[in-house]
Amino acid sequence: MKKRQRALQAERGCLVSACGLLGLSAIKGMAGWLTGSTGLMADACHSAASGASAFTSYLTYRSARQKPQAQAEAAASVVFSAVLLVMGLEMGFRSALDLAAGSEEAPGLSAAAVIAAGMLLREMLMLHKRRRDQRLGIRPSPAGELASDRLASLTALAGVLGAASGAQLGLPALYALDPAAGIIVSLLVLRIGYKMIRSVFSQTKNESPHEMETQALREAVQCVEGVVDVDRIHVKEQGHYVTVTAVIRVNPRISVAEGHDIAMRVRRHLTRRFLHVTDVVVQVEPYDPGFPYKTNWRDEEWSTLLQ
């Protein structure tokens, strides 16, 4: 599959995931407002946060394909992060007020049914995304993202079921479990917003996202025939794909055409071995002859300015 086709399919997949999560968030929010469940409304905010993260990935793919100004992508990420922080603070403050005031009634089991249905839809969406990523060679999403979604939904479900059981058993004290769950989920929303802001600043500083991956790329380049040494490997994230810039050292006595062939071999090797690598820029430099270097050339055949 060509690089452009993979990028287009990945872009569409991120847009579908974002729309699905935002739609799920709207349904949860409406159900939480109708049932009066603070935990369900906080879970809706968490789904909206996941949808905003997926939409940010969509913007990253789109900007990588159309090559617009990088500041626009960073500005969108900052806006989404600020909105998530405000949503998390708002839900946490509201849940704390409900917990302090004491709830007079518990949400019904319909709120729990909405949360369970949302968890099922979320798992189906993630399964579809995982299969698509494997087919396109995209790096899988960090396990922490899916774990955070599951934890938020399970916490909200536990709070709603606990409050509903309090209504059935005649224990009003259990009504506090629903706003308590809302506080925990709001903290998870704040965590997502903080991670998005941190990723924006780390990309601004051009920091390498994964040191282990950089080391694996360096070792792969060193295995290519004709490469004497690797000076530098720089990895730049573009959504779930990365672009690589490598500076290699070659025999200073080869021709320019041979150096170009070595660079092309490095590029082909990296793009075939690492499917998430979309582009490789190779800069070829001569190996410093001042260091010991094995060669079949005789010293008298190497001309210098003094000869």
C-alpha atoms as a PDB file:
ATOM      1  CA  MET A   1       0.000   0.000   0.000  1.00  0.00           C
ATOM      2  CA  LYS A   2       1.412   3.385  -0.970  1.00  0.00           C
ATOM      3  CA  LYS A   3       2.302   5.954   1.656  1.00  0.00           C
ATOM      4  CA  ARG A   4      -0.336   8.434   0.489  1.00  0.00           C
ATOM      5  CA  GLN A   5      -3.089   5.807   0.553  1.00  0.00           C
ATOM      6  CA  ARG A   6      -2.078   4.724   4.043  1.00  0.00           C
ATOM      7  CA  ALA A   7      -2.109   8.333   5.221  1.00  0.00           C
ATOM      8  CA  LEU A   8      -5.572   8.934   3.736  1.00  0.00           C
ATOM      9  CA  GLN A   9      -7.029   5.805   5.322  1.00  0.00           C
ATOM     10  CA  ALA A  10      -5.449   6.650   8.677  1.00  0.00           C
ATOM     11  CA  GLU A  11      -6.849  10.187   8.423  1.00  0.00           C
ATOM     12  CA  ARG A  12     -10.362   8.899   7.712  1.00  0.00           C
ATOM     13  CA  GLY A  13     -10.095   6.346  10.511  1.00  0.00           C
ATOM     14  CA  CYS A  14      -9.178   9.030  13.038  1.00  0.00           C
ATOM     15  CA  LEU A  15     -12.095  11.169  11.876  1.00  0.00           C
ATOM     16  CA  VAL A  16     -14.511   8.239  12.258  1.00  0.00           C
ATOM     17  CA  SER A  17     -13.167   7.510  15.754  1.00  0.00           C
ATOM     18  CA  ALA A  18     -13.475  11.164  16.749  1.00  0.00           C
ATOM     19  CA  CYS A  19     -17.058  11.426  15.473  1.00  0.00           C
ATOM     20  CA  GLY A  20     -18.019   8.172  17.166  1.00  0.00           C
ATOM     21  CA  LEU A  21     -16.593   9.232  20.521  1.00  0.00           C
ATOM     22  CA  LEU A  22     -18.137  12.697  20.343  1.00  0.00           C
ATOM     23  CA  GLY A  23     -21.519  11.187  19.444  1.00  0.00           C
ATOM     24  CA  LEU A  24     -21.220   8.762  22.346  1.00  0.00           C
ATOM     25  CA  SER A  25     -20.347  11.674  24.607  1.00  0.00           C
ATOM     26  CA  ALA A  26     -23.488  13.547  23.520  1.00  0.00           C
ATOM     27  CA  ILE A  27     -25.683  10.530  24.260  1.00  0.00           C
ATOM     28  CA  LYS A  28     -24.115  10.030  27.685  1.00  0.00           C
ATOM     29  CA  GLY A  29     -24.428  13.708  28.516  1.00  0.00           C
ATOM     30  CA  MET A  30     -28.114  13.780  27.598  1.00  0.00           C
ATOM     31  CA  ALA A  31     -28.802  10.612  29.587  1.00  0.00           C
ATOM     32  CA  GLY A  32     -26.867  11.992  32.558  1.00  0.00           C
ATOM     33  CA  TRP A  33     -28.880  15.218  32.477  1.00  0.00           C
ATOM     34  CA  LEU A  34     -32.199  13.318  32.272  1.00  0.00           C
ATOM     35  CA  THR A  35     -31.332  10.858  35.038  1.00  0.00           C
ATOM     36  CA  GLY A  36     -29.509  13.368  37.229  1.00  0.00           C
ATOM     37  CA  SER A  37     -26.364  11.219  37.388  1.00  0.00           C
ATOM     38  CA  THR A  38     -23.240  13.263  38.027  1.00  0.00           C
ATOM     39  CA  GLY A  39     -21.017  10.259  37.384  1.00  0.00           C
ATOM     40  CA  LEU A  40     -22.582   9.662  33.967  1.00  0.00           C
ATOM     41  CA  MET A  41     -22.116  13.308  32.985  1.00  0.00           C
ATOM     42  CA  ALA A  42     -18.463  13.108  34.054  1.00  0.00           C
ATOM     43  CA  ASP A  43     -18.097   9.949  31.952  1.00  0.00           C
ATOM     44  CA  ALA A  44     -19.571  11.915  29.041  1.00  0.00           C
ATOM     45  CA  CYS A  45     -16.844  14.539  29.534  1.00  0.00           C
ATOM     46  CA  HIS A  46     -14.217  11.789  29.479  1.00  0.00           C
ATOM     47  CA  SER A  47     -15.593  10.423  26.192  1.00  0.00           C
ATOM     48  CA  ALA A  48     -15.495  13.963  24.807  1.00  0.00           C
ATOM     49  CA  ALA A  49     -11.851  14.201  25.906  1.00  0.00           C
ATOM     50  CA  SER A  50     -11.016  10.982  24.058  1.00  0.00           C
ATOM     51  CA  GLY A  51     -12.858  12.316  21.009  1.00  0.00           C
ATOM     52  CA  ALA A  52     -10.864  15.554  21.161  1.00  0.00           C
ATOM     53  CA  SER A  53      -7.636  13.547  21.312  1.00  0.00           C
ATOM     54  CA  ALA A  54      -8.696  11.521  18.251  1.00  0.00           C
ATOM     55  CA  PHE A  55      -9.633  14.738  16.423  1.00  0.00           C
ATOM     56  CA  THR A  56      -6.188  16.154  17.222  1.00  0.00           C
ATOM     57  CA  SER A  57      -4.652  13.060  15.587  1.00  0.00           C
ATOM     58  CA  TYR A  58      -6.868  13.697  12.555  1.00  0.00           C
ATOM     59  CA  LEU A  59      -5.582  17.271  12.315  1.00  0.00           C
ATOM     60  CA  THR A  60      -2.014  15.950  12.561  1.00  0.00           C
ATOM     61  CA  TYR A  61      -2.551  13.568   9.633  1.00  0.00           C
ATOM     62  CA  ARG A  62      -4.268  16.280   7.608  1.00  0.00           C
ATOM     63  CA  SER A  63      -1.526  18.832   8.226  1.00  0.00           C
ATOM     64  CA  ALA A  64       1.135  16.262   7.343  1.00  0.00           C
ATOM     65  CA  ARG A  65      -0.592  15.576   4.017  1.00  0.00           C
ATOM     66  CA  GLN A  66      -1.482  19.150   3.047  1.00  0.00           C
ATOM     67  CA  LYS A  67       1.581  20.758   4.694  1.00  0.00           C
ATOM     68  CA  PRO A  68      -0.116  23.834   6.234  1.00  0.00           C
ATOM     69  CA  GLN A  69       1.359  26.009   8.940  1.00  0.00           C
ATOM     70  CA  ALA A  70       2.439  23.948  11.945  1.00  0.00           C
ATOM     71  CA  GLN A  71       1.226  26.720  14.272  1.00  0.00           C
ATOM     72  CA  ALA A  72      -2.396  25.968  13.332  1.00  0.00           C
ATOM     73  CA  GLU A  73      -2.122  22.387  14.545  1.00  0.00           C
ATOM     74  CA  ALA A  74      -0.449  23.453  17.787  1.00  0.00           C
ATOM     75  CA  ALA A  75      -3.104  26.138  18.355  1.00  0.00           C
ATOM     76  CA  ALA A  76      -5.903  23.588  17.883  1.00  0.00           C
ATOM     77  CA  SER A  77      -4.260  21.232  20.385  1.00  0.00           C
ATOM     78  CA  VAL A  78      -3.905  24.044  22.918  1.00  0.00           C
ATOM     79  CA  VAL A  79      -7.566  25.025  22.477  1.00  0.00           C
ATOM     80  CA  PHE A  80      -8.757  21.444  22.939  1.00  0.00           C
ATOM     81  CA  SER A  81      -6.532  21.051  25.997  1.00  0.00           C
ATOM     82  CA  ALA A  82      -7.885  24.243  27.552  1.00  0.00           C
ATOM     83  CA  VAL A  83     -11.472  23.130  26.932  1.00  0.00           C
ATOM     84  CA  LEU A  84     -10.746  19.744  28.527  1.00  0.00           C
ATOM     85  CA  LEU A  85      -9.219  21.384  31.581  1.00  0.00           C
ATOM     86  CA  VAL A  86     -12.256  23.646  31.972  1.00  0.00           C
ATOM     87  CA  MET A  87     -14.626  20.672  31.567  1.00  0.00           C
ATOM     88  CA  GLY A  88     -12.707  18.638  34.132  1.00  0.00           C
ATOM     89  CA  LEU A  89     -12.663  21.485  36.636  1.00  0.00           C
ATOM     90  CA  GLU A  90     -16.357  22.201  36.095  1.00  0.00           C
ATOM     91  CA  MET A  91     -17.400  18.572  36.574  1.00  0.00           C
ATOM     92  CA  GLY A  92     -15.128  18.152  39.592  1.00  0.00           C
ATOM     93  CA  PHE A  93     -16.518  21.313  41.220  1.00  0.00           C
ATOM     94  CA  ARG A  94     -20.112  20.299  40.514  1.00  0.00           C
ATOM     95  CA  SER A  95     -19.546  16.767  41.835  1.00  0.00           C
ATOM     96  CA  ALA A  96     -17.913  18.155  44.980  1.00  0.00           C
ATOM     97  CA  LEU A  97     -20.911  20.451  45.572  1.00  0.00           C
ATOM     98  CA  ASP A  98     -23.348  17.560  45.136  1.00  0.00           C
ATOM     99  CA  LEU A  99     -21.284  15.423  47.494  1.00  0.00           C
ATOM    100  CA  ALA A 100     -21.171  18.169  50.129  1.00  0.00           C
ATOM    101  CA  ALA A 101     -24.859  19.019  49.839  1.00  0.00           C
ATOM    102  CA  GLY A 102     -25.965  15.402  49.880  1.00  0.00           C
ATOM    103  CA  SER A 103     -28.076  13.842  47.149  1.00  0.00           C
ATOM    104  CA  GLU A 104     -31.773  13.464  47.854  1.00  0.00           C
ATOM    105  CA  GLU A 105     -32.356  10.804  45.199  1.00  0.00           C
ATOM    106  CA  ALA A 106     -30.339   8.240  43.304  1.00  0.00           C
ATOM    107  CA  PRO A 107     -30.125   7.871  39.513  1.00  0.00           C
ATOM    108  CA  GLY A 108     -32.089   4.962  38.137  1.00  0.00           C
ATOM    109  CA  LEU A 109     -30.768   1.820  36.532  1.00  0.00           C
ATOM    110  CA  SER A 110     -31.293   3.437  33.130  1.00  0.00           C
ATOM    111  CA  ALA A 111     -28.119   5.454  33.737  1.00  0.00           C
ATOM    112  CA  ALA A 112     -26.214   2.230  34.414  1.00  0.00           C
ATOM    113  CA  ALA A 113     -27.633   0.729  31.209  1.00  0.00           C
ATOM    114  CA  VAL A 114     -26.395   3.732  29.211  1.00  0.00           C
ATOM    115  CA  ILE A 115     -22.898   3.392  30.701  1.00  0.00           C
ATOM    116  CA  ALA A 116     -22.805  -0.356  29.950  1.00  0.00           C
ATOM    117  CA  ALA A 117     -23.989   0.212  26.378  1.00  0.00           C
ATOM    118  CA  GLY A 118     -21.374   2.946  25.963  1.00  0.00           C
ATOM    119  CA  MET A 119     -18.641   0.593  27.182  1.00  0.00           C
ATOM    120  CA  LEU A 120     -19.734  -2.029  24.654  1.00  0.00           C
ATOM    121  CA  LEU A 121     -19.741   0.474  21.795  1.00  0.00           C
ATOM    122  CA  ARG A 122     -16.366   1.788  22.897  1.00  0.00           C
ATOM    123  CA  GLU A 123     -14.842  -1.717  22.892  1.00  0.00           C
ATOM    124  CA  MET A 124     -16.234  -2.382  19.412  1.00  0.00           C
ATOM    125  CA  LEU A 125     -14.802   0.909  18.165  1.00  0.00           C
ATOM    126  CA  MET A 126     -11.392   0.154  19.669  1.00  0.00           C
ATOM    127  CA  LEU A 127     -11.389  -3.348  18.160  1.00  0.00           C
ATOM    128  CA  HIS A 128     -12.104  -1.892  14.726  1.00  0.00           C
ATOM    129  CA  LYS A 129      -9.368   0.720  15.223  1.00  0.00           C
ATOM    130  CA  ARG A 130      -6.843  -1.917  16.328  1.00  0.00           C
ATOM    131  CA  ARG A 131      -7.495  -4.060  13.250  1.00  0.00           C
ATOM    132  CA  ARG A 132      -7.219  -1.034  10.982  1.00  0.00           C
ATOM    133  CA  ASP A 133      -3.957   0.046  12.588  1.00  0.00           C
ATOM    134  CA  GLN A 134      -2.478  -3.426  12.134  1.00  0.00           C
ATOM    135  CA  ARG A 135      -3.478  -3.430   8.471  1.00  0.00           C
ATOM    136  CA  LEU A 136      -1.992   0.010   7.842  1.00  0.00           C
ATOM    137  CA  GLY A 137       1.121  -0.563   9.930  1.00  0.00           C
ATOM    138  CA  ILE A 138       0.261   2.179  12.411  1.00  0.00           C
ATOM    139  CA  ARG A 139       1.776   2.058  15.852  1.00  0.00           C
ATOM    140  CA  PRO A 140      -0.871   0.926  18.357  1.00  0.00           C
ATOM    141  CA  SER A 141      -2.281   3.498  20.727  1.00  0.00           C
ATOM    142  CA  PRO A 142      -0.691   3.552  24.176  1.00  0.00           C
ATOM    143  CA  ALA A 143      -2.286   1.061  26.543  1.00  0.00           C
ATOM    144  CA  GLY A 144      -2.873   3.871  29.028  1.00  0.00           C
ATOM    145  CA  GLU A 145      -5.459   5.548  26.785  1.00  0.00           C
ATOM    146  CA  LEU A 146      -7.743   2.498  26.631  1.00  0.00           C
ATOM    147  CA  ALA A 147      -7.157   1.787  30.324  1.00  0.00           C
ATOM    148  CA  SER A 148      -8.204   5.351  31.181  1.00  0.00           C
ATOM    149  CA  ASP A 149     -11.445   4.990  29.185  1.00  0.00           C
ATOM    150  CA  ARG A 150     -12.270   1.698  30.872  1.00  0.00           C
ATOM    151  CA  LEU A 151     -11.449   3.058  34.312  1.00  0.00           C
ATOM    152  CA  ALA A 152     -13.664   6.116  33.785  1.00  0.00           C
ATOM    153  CA  SER A 153     -16.637   4.042  32.633  1.00  0.00           C
ATOM    154  CA  LEU A 154     -16.199   1.429  35.365  1.00  0.00           C
ATOM    155  CA  THR A 155     -15.944   4.137  38.018  1.00  0.00           C
ATOM    156  CA  ALA A 156     -19.100   5.845  36.770  1.00  0.00           C
ATOM    157  CA  LEU A 157     -20.899   2.483  36.561  1.00  0.00           C
ATOM    158  CA  ALA A 158     -19.877   1.583  40.107  1.00  0.00           C
ATOM    159  CA  GLY A 159     -21.088   4.945  41.391  1.00  0.00           C
ATOM    160  CA  VAL A 160     -24.459   4.690  39.661  1.00  0.00           C
ATOM    161  CA  LEU A 161     -25.020   1.075  40.749  1.00  0.00           C
ATOM    162  CA  GLY A 162     -24.000   1.918  44.305  1.00  0.00           C
ATOM    163  CA  ALA A 163     -26.415   4.833  44.467  1.00  0.00           C
ATOM    164  CA  ALA A 164     -29.190   2.745  42.880  1.00  0.00           C
ATOM    165  CA  SER A 165     -28.627  -0.064  45.390  1.00  0.00           C
ATOM    166  CA  GLY A 166     -28.878   2.514  48.169  1.00  0.00           C
ATOM    167  CA  ALA A 167     -32.332   3.442  46.875  1.00  0.00           C
ATOM    168  CA  GLN A 168     -33.364  -0.213  46.805  1.00  0.00           C
ATOM    169  CA  LEU A 169     -32.002  -0.948  50.297  1.00  0.00           C
ATOM    170  CA  GLY A 170     -33.201   2.273  51.858  1.00  0.00           C
ATOM    171  CA  LEU A 171     -29.669   3.572  52.552  1.00  0.00           C
ATOM    172  CA  PRO A 172     -29.498   7.238  51.501  1.00  0.00           C
ATOM    173  CA  ALA A 173     -25.833   7.373  52.481  1.00  0.00           C
ATOM    174  CA  LEU A 174     -24.995   5.371  49.356  1.00  0.00           C
ATOM    175  CA  TYR A 175     -26.353   8.196  47.189  1.00  0.00           C
ATOM    176  CA  ALA A 176     -22.975   9.908  47.670  1.00  0.00           C
ATOM    177  CA  LEU A 177     -21.278   7.240  45.533  1.00  0.00           C
ATOM    178  CA  ASP A 178     -22.524   8.851  42.315  1.00  0.00           C
ATOM    179  CA  PRO A 179     -20.964  12.327  42.861  1.00  0.00           C
ATOM    180  CA  ALA A 180     -17.837  10.654  44.306  1.00  0.00           C
ATOM    181  CA  ALA A 181     -17.455   8.773  41.040  1.00  0.00           C
ATOM    182  CA  GLY A 182     -17.897  12.077  39.223  1.00  0.00           C
ATOM    183  CA  ILE A 183     -14.928  13.548  41.118  1.00  0.00           C
ATOM    184  CA  ILE A 184     -12.681  10.611  40.180  1.00  0.00           C
ATOM    185  CA  VAL A 185     -13.667  10.740  36.492  1.00  0.00           C
ATOM    186  CA  SER A 186     -13.140  14.517  36.395  1.00  0.00           C
ATOM    187  CA  LEU A 187      -9.553  13.935  37.582  1.00  0.00           C
ATOM    188  CA  LEU A 188      -9.058  11.568  34.641  1.00  0.00           C
ATOM    189  CA  VAL A 189     -10.343  14.280  32.282  1.00  0.00           C
ATOM    190  CA  LEU A 190      -7.856  16.756  33.755  1.00  0.00           C
ATOM    191  CA  ARG A 191      -5.113  14.184  33.215  1.00  0.00           C
ATOM    192  CA  ILE A 192      -5.946  13.924  29.485  1.00  0.00           C
ATOM    193  CA  GLY A 193      -5.914  17.703  29.105  1.00  0.00           C
ATOM    194  CA  TYR A 194      -2.547  17.936  30.860  1.00  0.00           C
ATOM    195  CA  LYS A 195      -1.029  15.222  28.648  1.00  0.00           C
ATOM    196  CA  MET A 196      -2.221  17.015  25.499  1.00  0.00           C
ATOM    197  CA  ILE A 197      -0.650  20.297  26.609  1.00  0.00           C
ATOM    198  CA  ARG A 198       2.590  18.522  27.530  1.00  0.00           C
ATOM    199  CA  SER A 199       2.749  16.822  24.118  1.00  0.00           C
ATOM    200  CA  VAL A 200       2.332  20.200  22.371  1.00  0.00           C
ATOM    201  CA  PHE A 201       5.277  21.712  24.265  1.00  0.00           C
ATOM    202  CA  SER A 202       7.447  18.623  23.780  1.00  0.00           C
ATOM    203  CA  GLN A 203       6.859  18.783  20.002  1.00  0.00           C
ATOM    204  CA  THR A 204       7.683  22.499  20.066  1.00  0.00           C
ATOM    205  CA  LYS A 205      11.047  21.676  21.608  1.00  0.00           C
ATOM    206  CA  ASN A 206      11.623  18.979  18.942  1.00  0.00           C
ATOM    207  CA  GLU A 207      12.232  16.344  21.592  1.00  0.00           C
ATOM    208  CA  SER A 208      12.579  12.727  20.484  1.00  0.00           C
ATOM    209  CA  PRO A 209       9.367  10.936  21.564  1.00  0.00           C
ATOM    210  CA  HIS A 210      10.814   7.472  22.151  1.00  0.00           C
ATOM    211  CA  GLU A 211      14.451   6.845  22.983  1.00  0.00           C
ATOM    212  CA  MET A 212      14.097   3.069  22.605  1.00  0.00           C
ATOM    213  CA  GLU A 213      12.637   3.505  19.123  1.00  0.00           C
ATOM    214  CA  THR A 214      15.467   5.863  18.177  1.00  0.00           C
ATOM    215  CA  GLN A 215      17.996   3.261  19.286  1.00  0.00           C
ATOM    216  CA  ALA A 216      16.234   0.568  17.228  1.00  0.00           C
ATOM    217  CA  LEU A 217      16.343   2.831  14.172  1.00  0.00           C
ATOM    218  CA  ARG A 218      20.030   3.542  14.726  1.00  0.00           C
ATOM    219  CA  GLU A 219      20.836  -0.177  14.917  1.00  0.00           C
ATOM    220  CA  ALA A 220      18.827  -0.826  11.755  1.00  0.00           C
ATOM    221  CA  VAL A 221      20.736   1.873   9.850  1.00  0.00           C
ATOM    222  CA  GLN A 222      24.073   0.476  11.006  1.00  0.00           C
ATOM    223  CA  CYS A 223      23.140  -2.908   9.508  1.00  0.00           C
ATOM    224  CA  VAL A 224      22.873  -1.429   5.996  1.00  0.00           C
ATOM    225  CA  GLU A 225      25.838  -2.278   3.793  1.00  0.00           C
ATOM    226  CA  GLY A 226      28.044   0.724   3.141  1.00  0.00           C
ATOM    227  CA  VAL A 227      27.189   2.628   6.328  1.00  0.00           C
ATOM    228  CA  VAL A 228      30.318   3.144   8.408  1.00  0.00           C
ATOM    229  CA  ASP A 229      28.781   5.146  11.265  1.00  0.00           C
ATOM    230  CA  VAL A 230      25.553   6.926  12.245  1.00  0.00           C
ATOM    231  CA  ASP A 231      26.011  10.472  13.499  1.00  0.00           C
ATOM    232  CA  ARG A 232      22.444  11.383  14.350  1.00  0.00           C
ATOM    233  CA  ILE A 233      18.884   9.999  14.242  1.00  0.00           C
ATOM    234  CA  HIS A 234      15.967  12.404  14.690  1.00  0.00           C
ATOM    235  CA  VAL A 235      12.389  11.150  14.952  1.00  0.00           C
ATOM    236  CA  LYS A 236       9.384  13.435  14.485  1.00  0.00           C
ATOM    237  CA  GLU A 237       5.856  12.280  15.274  1.00  0.00           C
ATOM    238  CA  GLN A 238       2.982  12.871  12.855  1.00  0.00           C
ATOM    239  CA  GLY A 239       0.013  11.268  14.547  1.00  0.00           C
ATOM    240  CA  HIS A 240       0.686   7.526  14.724  1.00  0.00           C
ATOM    241  CA  TYR A 241       3.316   7.800  11.990  1.00  0.00           C
ATOM    242  CA  VAL A 242       6.847   9.175  12.241  1.00  0.00           C
ATOM    243  CA  THR A 243       9.382  10.735   9.901  1.00  0.00           C
ATOM    244  CA  VAL A 244      13.084  10.050  10.355  1.00  0.00           C
ATOM    245  CA  THR A 245      16.109  12.216   9.607  1.00  0.00           C
ATOM    246  CA  ALA A 246      19.435  10.362   9.633  1.00  0.00           C
ATOM    247  CA  VAL A 247      23.003  11.556   9.193  1.00  0.00           C
ATOM    248  CA  ILE A 248      25.304   8.699   8.154  1.00  0.00           C
ATOM    249  CA  ARG A 249      29.032   8.370   7.483  1.00  0.00           C
ATOM    250  CA  VAL A 250      30.365   6.460   4.468  1.00  0.00           C
ATOM    251  CA  ASN A 251      33.729   5.626   2.943  1.00  0.00           C
ATOM    252  CA  PRO A 252      35.196   8.963   1.764  1.00  0.00           C
ATOM    253  CA  ARG A 253      36.744   7.291  -1.289  1.00  0.00           C
ATOM    254  CA  ILE A 254      33.516   6.166  -2.942  1.00  0.00           C
ATOM    255  CA  SER A 255      31.747   8.133  -5.660  1.00  0.00           C
ATOM    256  CA  VAL A 256      28.764  10.420  -5.184  1.00  0.00           C
ATOM    257  CA  ALA A 257      26.543   7.904  -6.993  1.00  0.00           C
ATOM    258  CA  GLU A 258      27.584   5.140  -4.592  1.00  0.00           C
ATOM    259  CA  GLY A 259      26.830   7.389  -1.626  1.00  0.00           C
ATOM    260  CA  HIS A 260      23.408   8.088  -3.085  1.00  0.00           C
ATOM    261  CA  ASP A 261      22.772   4.339  -3.486  1.00  0.00           C
ATOM    262  CA  ILE A 262      23.664   3.761   0.164  1.00  0.00           C
ATOM    263  CA  ALA A 263      21.240   6.499   1.229  1.00  0.00           C
ATOM    264  CA  MET A 264      18.462   4.910  -0.857  1.00  0.00           C
ATOM    265  CA  ARG A 265      19.181   1.519   0.723  1.00  0.00           C
ATOM    266  CA  VAL A 266      18.875   3.077   4.164  1.00  0.00           C
ATOM    267  CA  ARG A 267      15.566   4.684   3.229  1.00  0.00           C
ATOM    268  CA  ARG A 268      14.114   1.467   1.775  1.00  0.00           C
ATOM    269  CA  HIS A 269      15.307  -0.588   4.733  1.00  0.00           C
ATOM    270  CA  LEU A 270      13.699   1.663   7.345  1.00  0.00           C
ATOM    271  CA  THR A 271      10.369   2.103   5.543  1.00  0.00           C
ATOM    272  CA  ARG A 272      10.042  -1.656   5.006  1.00  0.00           C
ATOM    273  CA  ARG A 273      11.138  -2.774   8.449  1.00  0.00           C
ATOM    274  CA  PHE A 274       9.223  -0.081  10.390  1.00  0.00           C
ATOM    275  CA  LEU A 275       5.772   0.255   8.829  1.00  0.00           C
ATOM    276  CA  HIS A 276       4.917   3.370  10.849  1.00  0.00           C
ATOM    277  CA  VAL A 277       7.886   5.236   9.307  1.00  0.00           C
ATOM    278  CA  THR A 278       6.419   7.218   6.420  1.00  0.00           C
ATOM    279  CA  ASP A 279       9.462   9.154   5.238  1.00  0.00           C
ATOM    280  CA  VAL A 280      13.230   9.024   5.735  1.00  0.00           C
ATOM    281  CA  VAL A 281      15.623  11.844   4.920  1.00  0.00           C
ATOM    282  CA  VAL A 282      19.237  10.640   4.754  1.00  0.00           C
ATOM    283  CA  GLN A 283      22.203  13.015   4.807  1.00  0.00           C
ATOM    284  CA  VAL A 284      25.462  11.420   3.654  1.00  0.00           C
ATOM    285  CA  GLU A 285      28.779  12.631   5.080  1.00  0.00           C
ATOM    286  CA  PRO A 286      32.308  11.251   4.510  1.00  0.00           C
ATOM    287  CA  TYR A 287      33.831   9.256   7.299  1.00  0.00           C
ATOM    288  CA  ASP A 288      36.667  11.164   8.952  1.00  0.00           C
ATOM    289  CA  PRO A 289      39.902   9.668   7.521  1.00  0.00           C
ATOM    290  CA  GLY A 290      41.731  10.772  10.637  1.00  0.00           C
ATOM    291  CA  PHE A 291      40.289   7.766  12.455  1.00  0.00           C
ATOM    292  CA  PRO A 292      41.374   4.161  11.717  1.00  0.00           C
ATOM    293  CA  TYR A 293      39.363   2.816   8.856  1.00  0.00           C
ATOM    294  CA  LYS A 294      39.822  -0.425   6.945  1.00  0.00           C
ATOM    295  CA  THR A 295      40.004  -0.066   3.190  1.00  0.00           C
ATOM    296  CA  ASN A 296      41.299  -2.013   0.215  1.00  0.00           C
ATOM    297  CA  TRP A 297      42.792   1.158  -1.282  1.00  0.00           C
ATOM    298  CA  ARG A 298      46.547   1.707  -0.976  1.00  0.00           C
ATOM    299  CA  ASP A 299      47.608   4.889   0.736  1.00  0.00           C
ATOM    300  CA  GLU A 300      49.589   6.084  -2.272  1.00  0.00           C
ATOM    301  CA  GLU A 301      46.399   6.051  -4.378  1.00  0.00           C
ATOM    302  CA  TRP A 302      44.773   8.623  -2.087  1.00  0.00           C
ATOM    303  CA  SER A 303      45.691  12.081  -3.329  1.00  0.00           C
ATOM    304  CA  THR A 304      45.856  15.063  -1.010  1.00  0.00           C
ATOM    305  CA  LEU A 305      46.448  18.769  -1.399  1.00  0.00           C
ATOM    306  CA  LEU A 306      50.115  18.271  -0.435  1.00  0.00           C
ATOM    307  CA  GLN A 307      50.794  15.789  -3.270  1.00  0.00           C
END
